[in-house]
């Protein structure tokens, strides 16, 4: 959920923003003259975005992800019990 808040209001609410964002979730767009100029989010949300960008930028990981999705949707994967036996788990 993206909410907008003017920069003048954000200045006054800065110390309470971490709690608000943790409770409400999402990202806060700080605006100047009605246009977004900053995004404020929880650190957890920020790290999740960085991780997603890292995965999307890794051709090998993306190829493996696409293969896994294809196998899962076509039911070509290995069932969990067989995988555990094969991995000696």
PDB file of N, CA and C in Angstrom:
ATOM      1  N   UNK A   1       0.844  -1.172   0.000  1.00  0.00           N
ATOM      2  CA  UNK A   1       0.000   0.000   0.000  1.00  0.00           C
ATOM      3  C   UNK A   1       0.892   1.239   0.000  1.00  0.00           C
ATOM      4  N   UNK A   2       0.686   2.114  -0.958  1.00  0.00           N
ATOM      5  CA  UNK A   2       1.478   3.326  -1.069  1.00  0.00           C
ATOM      6  C   UNK A   2       0.610   4.503  -0.664  1.00  0.00           C
ATOM      7  N   UNK A   3       1.036   5.208   0.355  1.00  0.00           N
ATOM      8  CA  UNK A   3       0.335   6.402   0.807  1.00  0.00           C
ATOM      9  C   UNK A   3       1.195   7.609   0.506  1.00  0.00           C
ATOM     10  N   UNK A   4       0.559   8.746   0.328  1.00  0.00           N
ATOM     11  CA  UNK A   4       1.282   9.986   0.080  1.00  0.00           C
ATOM     12  C   UNK A   4       1.206  10.885   1.303  1.00  0.00           C
ATOM     13  N   UNK A   5       2.283  11.603   1.552  1.00  0.00           N
ATOM     14  CA  UNK A   5       2.329  12.563   2.640  1.00  0.00           C
ATOM     15  C   UNK A   5       3.222  13.724   2.196  1.00  0.00           C
ATOM     16  N   UNK A   6       2.758  14.952   2.378  1.00  0.00           N
ATOM     17  CA  UNK A   6       3.600  16.096   2.003  1.00  0.00           C
ATOM     18  C   UNK A   6       4.876  16.129   2.843  1.00  0.00           C
ATOM     19  N   UNK A   7       5.942  16.650   2.268  1.00  0.00           N
ATOM     20  CA  UNK A   7       7.234  16.677   2.948  1.00  0.00           C
ATOM     21  C   UNK A   7       7.169  17.483   4.245  1.00  0.00           C
ATOM     22  N   UNK A   8       6.361  18.524   4.272  1.00  0.00           N
ATOM     23  CA  UNK A   8       6.250  19.330   5.495  1.00  0.00           C
ATOM     24  C   UNK A   8       5.610  18.522   6.618  1.00  0.00           C
ATOM     25  N   UNK A   9       4.638  17.691   6.279  1.00  0.00           N
ATOM     26  CA  UNK A   9       4.006  16.835   7.286  1.00  0.00           C
ATOM     27  C   UNK A   9       4.944  15.712   7.707  1.00  0.00           C
ATOM     28  N   UNK A  10       5.683  15.155   6.756  1.00  0.00           N
ATOM     29  CA  UNK A  10       6.625  14.071   7.054  1.00  0.00           C
ATOM     30  C   UNK A  10       7.695  14.542   8.023  1.00  0.00           C
ATOM     31  N   UNK A  11       8.123  15.776   7.875  1.00  0.00           N
ATOM     32  CA  UNK A  11       9.142  16.342   8.760  1.00  0.00           C
ATOM     33  C   UNK A  11       8.674  16.290  10.212  1.00  0.00           C
ATOM     34  N   UNK A  12       7.404  16.596  10.436  1.00  0.00           N
ATOM     35  CA  UNK A  12       6.865  16.602  11.797  1.00  0.00           C
ATOM     36  C   UNK A  12       6.593  15.192  12.322  1.00  0.00           C
ATOM     37  N   UNK A  13       6.370  14.244  11.413  1.00  0.00           N
ATOM     38  CA  UNK A  13       6.017  12.886  11.817  1.00  0.00           C
ATOM     39  C   UNK A  13       7.170  11.892  11.696  1.00  0.00           C
ATOM     40  N   UNK A  14       8.348  12.360  11.366  1.00  0.00           N
ATOM     41  CA  UNK A  14       9.471  11.470  11.074  1.00  0.00           C
ATOM     42  C   UNK A  14       9.720  10.434  12.160  1.00  0.00           C
ATOM     43  N   UNK A  15       9.694  10.846  13.419  1.00  0.00           N
ATOM     44  CA  UNK A  15      10.016   9.890  14.485  1.00  0.00           C
ATOM     45  C   UNK A  15       8.930   8.837  14.681  1.00  0.00           C
ATOM     46  N   UNK A  16       7.711   9.102  14.233  1.00  0.00           N
ATOM     47  CA  UNK A  16       6.638   8.115  14.400  1.00  0.00           C
ATOM     48  C   UNK A  16       6.433   7.258  13.152  1.00  0.00           C
ATOM     49  N   UNK A  17       7.098   7.584  12.054  1.00  0.00           N
ATOM     50  CA  UNK A  17       6.912   6.837  10.812  1.00  0.00           C
ATOM     51  C   UNK A  17       7.307   5.364  10.908  1.00  0.00           C
ATOM     52  N   UNK A  18       8.392   5.001  11.591  1.00  0.00           N
ATOM     53  CA  UNK A  18       8.721   3.568  11.661  1.00  0.00           C
ATOM     54  C   UNK A  18       7.588   2.725  12.250  1.00  0.00           C
ATOM     55  N   UNK A  19       6.984   3.193  13.313  1.00  0.00           N
ATOM     56  CA  UNK A  19       5.889   2.448  13.927  1.00  0.00           C
ATOM     57  C   UNK A  19       4.678   2.396  13.001  1.00  0.00           C
ATOM     58  N   UNK A  20       4.356   3.523  12.371  1.00  0.00           N
ATOM     59  CA  UNK A  20       3.210   3.552  11.466  1.00  0.00           C
ATOM     60  C   UNK A  20       3.398   2.598  10.299  1.00  0.00           C
ATOM     61  N   UNK A  21       4.584   2.606   9.713  1.00  0.00           N
ATOM     62  CA  UNK A  21       4.834   1.723   8.582  1.00  0.00           C
ATOM     63  C   UNK A  21       4.860   0.261   8.996  1.00  0.00           C
ATOM     64  N   UNK A  22       5.364  -0.023  10.176  1.00  0.00           N
ATOM     65  CA  UNK A  22       5.371  -1.401  10.660  1.00  0.00           C
ATOM     66  C   UNK A  22       3.951  -1.899  10.866  1.00  0.00           C
ATOM     67  N   UNK A  23       3.100  -1.056  11.420  1.00  0.00           N
ATOM     68  CA  UNK A  23       1.708  -1.440  11.675  1.00  0.00           C
ATOM     69  C   UNK A  23       0.907  -1.538  10.379  1.00  0.00           C
ATOM     70  N   UNK A  24       1.053  -0.551   9.511  1.00  0.00           N
ATOM     71  CA  UNK A  24       0.240  -0.482   8.298  1.00  0.00           C
ATOM     72  C   UNK A  24       0.846  -1.229   7.132  1.00  0.00           C
ATOM     73  N   UNK A  25       2.152  -1.420   7.166  1.00  0.00           N
ATOM     74  CA  UNK A  25       2.828  -2.069   6.058  1.00  0.00           C
ATOM     75  C   UNK A  25       2.937  -1.135   4.861  1.00  0.00           C
ATOM     76  N   UNK A  26       3.574  -1.589   3.838  1.00  0.00           N
ATOM     77  CA  UNK A  26       3.676  -0.810   2.625  1.00  0.00           C
ATOM     78  C   UNK A  26       4.762   0.233   2.639  1.00  0.00           C
ATOM     79  N   UNK A  27       4.603   1.194   1.742  1.00  0.00           N
ATOM     80  CA  UNK A  27       5.583   2.238   1.525  1.00  0.00           C
ATOM     81  C   UNK A  27       4.894   3.584   1.580  1.00  0.00           C
ATOM     82  N   UNK A  28       5.610   4.574   2.018  1.00  0.00           N
ATOM     83  CA  UNK A  28       5.089   5.924   2.122  1.00  0.00           C
ATOM     84  C   UNK A  28       5.802   6.790   1.098  1.00  0.00           C
ATOM     85  N   UNK A  29       5.035   7.467   0.253  1.00  0.00           N
ATOM     86  CA  UNK A  29       5.608   8.391  -0.727  1.00  0.00           C
ATOM     87  C   UNK A  29       5.570   9.787  -0.126  1.00  0.00           C
ATOM     88  N   UNK A  30       6.725  10.406  -0.009  1.00  0.00           N
ATOM     89  CA  UNK A  30       6.800  11.782   0.488  1.00  0.00           C
ATOM     90  C   UNK A  30       6.795  12.688  -0.731  1.00  0.00           C
ATOM     91  N   UNK A  31       5.885  13.647  -0.715  1.00  0.00           N
ATOM     92  CA  UNK A  31       5.694  14.492  -1.883  1.00  0.00           C
ATOM     93  C   UNK A  31       6.154  15.929  -1.640  1.00  0.00           C
ATOM     94  N   UNK A  32       6.534  16.570  -2.725  1.00  0.00           N
ATOM     95  CA  UNK A  32       6.837  17.999  -2.720  1.00  0.00           C
ATOM     96  C   UNK A  32       6.059  18.586  -3.897  1.00  0.00           C
ATOM     97  N   UNK A  33       5.212  19.552  -3.576  1.00  0.00           N
ATOM     98  CA  UNK A  33       4.334  20.167  -4.583  1.00  0.00           C
ATOM     99  C   UNK A  33       3.492  19.121  -5.303  1.00  0.00           C
ATOM    100  N   UNK A  34       3.064  18.103  -4.540  1.00  0.00           N
ATOM    101  CA  UNK A  34       2.183  17.071  -5.080  1.00  0.00           C
ATOM    102  C   UNK A  34       2.856  15.957  -5.850  1.00  0.00           C
ATOM    103  N   UNK A  35       4.172  16.016  -6.017  1.00  0.00           N
ATOM    104  CA  UNK A  35       4.885  14.978  -6.772  1.00  0.00           C
ATOM    105  C   UNK A  35       5.769  14.172  -5.832  1.00  0.00           C
ATOM    106  N   UNK A  36       5.780  12.835  -5.967  1.00  0.00           N
ATOM    107  CA  UNK A  36       6.631  12.003  -5.106  1.00  0.00           C
ATOM    108  C   UNK A  36       8.113  12.319  -5.303  1.00  0.00           C
ATOM    109  N   UNK A  37       8.821  12.509  -4.182  1.00  0.00           N
ATOM    110  CA  UNK A  37      10.258  12.769  -4.245  1.00  0.00           C
ATOM    111  C   UNK A  37      11.063  11.782  -3.411  1.00  0.00           C
ATOM    112  N   UNK A  38      10.433  11.119  -2.464  1.00  0.00           N
ATOM    113  CA  UNK A  38      11.106  10.137  -1.614  1.00  0.00           C
ATOM    114  C   UNK A  38      10.152   8.972  -1.334  1.00  0.00           C
ATOM    115  N   UNK A  39      10.743   7.809  -1.101  1.00  0.00           N
ATOM    116  CA  UNK A  39       9.966   6.653  -0.648  1.00  0.00           C
ATOM    117  C   UNK A  39      10.514   6.242   0.706  1.00  0.00           C
ATOM    118  N   UNK A  40       9.617   6.033   1.645  1.00  0.00           N
ATOM    119  CA  UNK A  40      10.008   5.586   2.986  1.00  0.00           C
ATOM    120  C   UNK A  40       9.341   4.242   3.219  1.00  0.00           C
ATOM    121  N   UNK A  41      10.136   3.277   3.684  1.00  0.00           N
ATOM    122  CA  UNK A  41       9.612   1.930   3.932  1.00  0.00           C
ATOM    123  C   UNK A  41      10.376   1.307   5.089  1.00  0.00           C
ATOM    124  N   UNK A  42       9.859   0.213   5.602  1.00  0.00           N
ATOM    125  CA  UNK A  42      10.567  -0.488   6.667  1.00  0.00           C
ATOM    126  C   UNK A  42      11.841  -1.101   6.082  1.00  0.00           C
ATOM    127  N   UNK A  43      12.799  -1.332   6.942  1.00  0.00           N
ATOM    128  CA  UNK A  43      14.068  -1.919   6.497  1.00  0.00           C
ATOM    129  C   UNK A  43      13.826  -3.312   5.928  1.00  0.00           C
ATOM    130  N   UNK A  44      12.907  -4.059   6.517  1.00  0.00           N
ATOM    131  CA  UNK A  44      12.590  -5.403   6.042  1.00  0.00           C
ATOM    132  C   UNK A  44      12.071  -5.345   4.597  1.00  0.00           C
ATOM    133  N   UNK A  45      11.211  -4.393   4.317  1.00  0.00           N
ATOM    134  CA  UNK A  45      10.688  -4.222   2.960  1.00  0.00           C
ATOM    135  C   UNK A  45      11.825  -3.854   1.994  1.00  0.00           C
ATOM    136  N   UNK A  46      12.699  -2.960   2.406  1.00  0.00           N
ATOM    137  CA  UNK A  46      13.844  -2.544   1.599  1.00  0.00           C
ATOM    138  C   UNK A  46      14.739  -3.745   1.271  1.00  0.00           C
ATOM    139  N   UNK A  47      15.057  -4.555   2.270  1.00  0.00           N
ATOM    140  CA  UNK A  47      15.912  -5.721   2.038  1.00  0.00           C
ATOM    141  C   UNK A  47      15.243  -6.717   1.096  1.00  0.00           C
ATOM    142  N   UNK A  48      13.927  -6.870   1.208  1.00  0.00           N
ATOM    143  CA  UNK A  48      13.200  -7.776   0.319  1.00  0.00           C
ATOM    144  C   UNK A  48      13.295  -7.297  -1.126  1.00  0.00           C
ATOM    145  N   UNK A  49      13.194  -5.989  -1.324  1.00  0.00           N
ATOM    146  CA  UNK A  49      13.321  -5.432  -2.673  1.00  0.00           C
ATOM    147  C   UNK A  49      14.725  -5.670  -3.218  1.00  0.00           C
ATOM    148  N   UNK A  50      15.750  -5.431  -2.399  1.00  0.00           N
ATOM    149  CA  UNK A  50      17.128  -5.672  -2.846  1.00  0.00           C
ATOM    150  C   UNK A  50      17.347  -7.135  -3.213  1.00  0.00           C
ATOM    151  N   UNK A  51      16.818  -8.036  -2.419  1.00  0.00           N
ATOM    152  CA  UNK A  51      16.960  -9.465  -2.698  1.00  0.00           C
ATOM    153  C   UNK A  51      16.271  -9.832  -4.009  1.00  0.00           C
ATOM    154  N   UNK A  52      15.097  -9.269  -4.234  1.00  0.00           N
ATOM    155  CA  UNK A  52      14.378  -9.532  -5.475  1.00  0.00           C
ATOM    156  C   UNK A  52      15.160  -9.026  -6.673  1.00  0.00           C
ATOM    157  N   UNK A  53      15.714  -7.825  -6.562  1.00  0.00           N
ATOM    158  CA  UNK A  53      16.514  -7.267  -7.656  1.00  0.00           C
ATOM    159  C   UNK A  53      17.736  -8.135  -7.919  1.00  0.00           C
ATOM    160  N   UNK A  54      18.364  -8.625  -6.856  1.00  0.00           N
ATOM    161  CA  UNK A  54      19.537  -9.487  -7.007  1.00  0.00           C
ATOM    162  C   UNK A  54      19.170 -10.775  -7.742  1.00  0.00           C
ATOM    163  N   UNK A  55      18.061 -11.373  -7.382  1.00  0.00           N
ATOM    164  CA  UNK A  55      17.619 -12.608  -8.031  1.00  0.00           C
ATOM    165  C   UNK A  55      17.286 -12.347  -9.499  1.00  0.00           C
ATOM    166  N   UNK A  56      16.542 -11.265  -9.757  1.00  0.00           N
ATOM    167  CA  UNK A  56      16.168 -10.948 -11.133  1.00  0.00           C
ATOM    168  C   UNK A  56      17.387 -10.658 -12.004  1.00  0.00           C
ATOM    169  N   UNK A  57      18.458 -10.169 -11.399  1.00  0.00           N
ATOM    170  CA  UNK A  57      19.665  -9.850 -12.148  1.00  0.00           C
ATOM    171  C   UNK A  57      20.596 -11.026 -12.355  1.00  0.00           C
ATOM    172  N   UNK A  58      20.297 -12.166 -11.750  1.00  0.00           N
ATOM    173  CA  UNK A  58      21.144 -13.351 -11.868  1.00  0.00           C
ATOM    174  C   UNK A  58      20.520 -14.298 -12.900  1.00  0.00           C
ATOM    175  N   UNK A  59      21.137 -14.380 -14.073  1.00  0.00           N
ATOM    176  CA  UNK A  59      20.583 -15.182 -15.166  1.00  0.00           C
ATOM    177  C   UNK A  59      20.427 -16.651 -14.777  1.00  0.00           C
ATOM    178  N   UNK A  60      21.393 -17.206 -14.034  1.00  0.00           N
ATOM    179  CA  UNK A  60      21.333 -18.606 -13.643  1.00  0.00           C
ATOM    180  C   UNK A  60      20.165 -18.856 -12.683  1.00  0.00           C
ATOM    181  N   UNK A  61      20.014 -17.986 -11.690  1.00  0.00           N
ATOM    182  CA  UNK A  61      18.900 -18.143 -10.756  1.00  0.00           C
ATOM    183  C   UNK A  61      17.557 -18.026 -11.473  1.00  0.00           C
ATOM    184  N   UNK A  62      17.452 -17.071 -12.394  1.00  0.00           N
ATOM    185  CA  UNK A  62      16.198 -16.898 -13.120  1.00  0.00           C
ATOM    186  C   UNK A  62      15.891 -18.105 -13.996  1.00  0.00           C
ATOM    187  N   UNK A  63      16.914 -18.686 -14.613  1.00  0.00           N
ATOM    188  CA  UNK A  63      16.704 -19.882 -15.429  1.00  0.00           C
ATOM    189  C   UNK A  63      16.205 -21.029 -14.555  1.00  0.00           C
ATOM    190  N   UNK A  64      16.817 -21.178 -13.367  1.00  0.00           N
ATOM    191  CA  UNK A  64      16.372 -22.231 -12.452  1.00  0.00           C
ATOM    192  C   UNK A  64      14.951 -21.975 -11.963  1.00  0.00           C
ATOM    193  N   UNK A  65      14.627 -20.718 -11.692  1.00  0.00           N
ATOM    194  CA  UNK A  65      13.280 -20.376 -11.247  1.00  0.00           C
ATOM    195  C   UNK A  65      12.256 -20.688 -12.332  1.00  0.00           C
ATOM    196  N   UNK A  66      12.551 -20.275 -13.561  1.00  0.00           N
ATOM    197  CA  UNK A  66      11.626 -20.559 -14.671  1.00  0.00           C
ATOM    198  C   UNK A  66      11.446 -22.061 -14.874  1.00  0.00           C
ATOM    199  N   UNK A  67      12.548 -22.811 -14.761  1.00  0.00           N
ATOM    200  CA  UNK A  67      12.458 -24.260 -14.916  1.00  0.00           C
ATOM    201  C   UNK A  67      11.589 -24.852 -13.804  1.00  0.00           C
ATOM    202  N   UNK A  68      11.793 -24.380 -12.582  1.00  0.00           N
ATOM    203  CA  UNK A  68      10.988 -24.878 -11.464  1.00  0.00           C
ATOM    204  C   UNK A  68       9.520 -24.567 -11.632  1.00  0.00           C
ATOM    205  N   UNK A  69       9.212 -23.376 -12.113  1.00  0.00           N
ATOM    206  CA  UNK A  69       7.804 -23.012 -12.337  1.00  0.00           C
ATOM    207  C   UNK A  69       7.203 -23.888 -13.428  1.00  0.00           C
ATOM    208  N   UNK A  70       7.963 -24.105 -14.496  1.00  0.00           N
ATOM    209  CA  UNK A  70       7.481 -24.957 -15.587  1.00  0.00           C
ATOM    210  C   UNK A  70       7.227 -26.374 -15.084  1.00  0.00           C
ATOM    211  N   UNK A  71       8.161 -26.915 -14.306  1.00  0.00           N
ATOM    212  CA  UNK A  71       7.999 -28.264 -13.779  1.00  0.00           C
ATOM    213  C   UNK A  71       6.814 -28.344 -12.826  1.00  0.00           C
ATOM    214  N   UNK A  72       6.647 -27.350 -12.003  1.00  0.00           N
ATOM    215  CA  UNK A  72       5.552 -27.361 -11.037  1.00  0.00           C
ATOM    216  C   UNK A  72       4.197 -27.280 -11.733  1.00  0.00           C
ATOM    217  N   UNK A  73       4.100 -26.429 -12.749  1.00  0.00           N
ATOM    218  CA  UNK A  73       2.811 -26.290 -13.435  1.00  0.00           C
ATOM    219  C   UNK A  73       2.495 -27.488 -14.315  1.00  0.00           C
ATOM    220  N   UNK A  74       3.513 -28.191 -14.792  1.00  0.00           N
ATOM    221  CA  UNK A  74       3.270 -29.370 -15.630  1.00  0.00           C
ATOM    222  C   UNK A  74       3.356 -30.668 -14.834  1.00  0.00           C
ATOM    223  N   UNK A  75       3.515 -30.536 -13.525  1.00  0.00           N
ATOM    224  CA  UNK A  75       3.594 -31.689 -12.621  1.00  0.00           C
ATOM    225  C   UNK A  75       4.726 -32.632 -12.973  1.00  0.00           C
ATOM    226  N   UNK A  76       5.859 -32.111 -13.434  1.00  0.00           N
ATOM    227  CA  UNK A  76       7.014 -32.923 -13.793  1.00  0.00           C
ATOM    228  C   UNK A  76       8.039 -32.999 -12.667  1.00  0.00           C
ATOM    229  N   UNK A  77       7.770 -32.339 -11.579  1.00  0.00           N
ATOM    230  CA  UNK A  77       8.737 -32.294 -10.490  1.00  0.00           C
ATOM    231  C   UNK A  77       8.841 -33.626  -9.761  1.00  0.00           C
ATOM    232  N   UNK A  78       9.711 -33.660  -8.790  1.00  0.00           N
ATOM    233  CA  UNK A  78       9.923 -34.848  -7.965  1.00  0.00           C
ATOM    234  C   UNK A  78       9.142 -34.655  -6.668  1.00  0.00           C
ATOM    235  N   UNK A  79       8.405 -35.681  -6.264  1.00  0.00           N
ATOM    236  CA  UNK A  79       7.651 -35.535  -5.014  1.00  0.00           C
ATOM    237  C   UNK A  79       8.607 -35.462  -3.828  1.00  0.00           C
ATOM    238  N   UNK A  80       8.139 -34.863  -2.739  1.00  0.00           N
ATOM    239  CA  UNK A  80       8.961 -34.571  -1.564  1.00  0.00           C
ATOM    240  C   UNK A  80       9.605 -35.822  -0.982  1.00  0.00           C
ATOM    241  N   UNK A  81       8.877 -36.897  -0.849  1.00  0.00           N
ATOM    242  CA  UNK A  81       9.423 -38.124  -0.263  1.00  0.00           C
ATOM    243  C   UNK A  81      10.549 -38.697  -1.121  1.00  0.00           C
ATOM    244  N   UNK A  82      10.395 -38.664  -2.430  1.00  0.00           N
ATOM    245  CA  UNK A  82      11.461 -39.146  -3.323  1.00  0.00           C
ATOM    246  C   UNK A  82      12.694 -38.258  -3.216  1.00  0.00           C
ATOM    247  N   UNK A  83      12.470 -36.950  -3.145  1.00  0.00           N
ATOM    248  CA  UNK A  83      13.589 -36.012  -3.031  1.00  0.00           C
ATOM    249  C   UNK A  83      14.349 -36.245  -1.732  1.00  0.00           C
ATOM    250  N   UNK A  84      13.635 -36.470  -0.628  1.00  0.00           N
ATOM    251  CA  UNK A  84      14.295 -36.724   0.653  1.00  0.00           C
ATOM    252  C   UNK A  84      15.128 -38.011   0.584  1.00  0.00           C
ATOM    253  N   UNK A  85      14.596 -39.056  -0.027  1.00  0.00           N
ATOM    254  CA  UNK A  85      15.345 -40.309  -0.157  1.00  0.00           C
ATOM    255  C   UNK A  85      16.587 -40.097  -1.002  1.00  0.00           C
ATOM    256  N   UNK A  86      16.440 -39.356  -2.100  1.00  0.00           N
ATOM    257  CA  UNK A  86      17.559 -39.119  -2.998  1.00  0.00           C
ATOM    258  C   UNK A  86      18.651 -38.296  -2.321  1.00  0.00           C
ATOM    259  N   UNK A  87      18.270 -37.398  -1.414  1.00  0.00           N
ATOM    260  CA  UNK A  87      19.222 -36.553  -0.710  1.00  0.00           C
ATOM    261  C   UNK A  87      19.647 -37.115   0.632  1.00  0.00           C
ATOM    262  N   UNK A  88      19.177 -38.315   0.971  1.00  0.00           N
ATOM    263  CA  UNK A  88      19.471 -38.970   2.248  1.00  0.00           C
ATOM    264  C   UNK A  88      19.057 -38.103   3.430  1.00  0.00           C
ATOM    265  N   UNK A  89      17.858 -37.546   3.372  1.00  0.00           N
ATOM    266  CA  UNK A  89      17.349 -36.734   4.478  1.00  0.00           C
ATOM    267  C   UNK A  89      16.382 -37.528   5.331  1.00  0.00           C
TER     268      UNK A  89
END
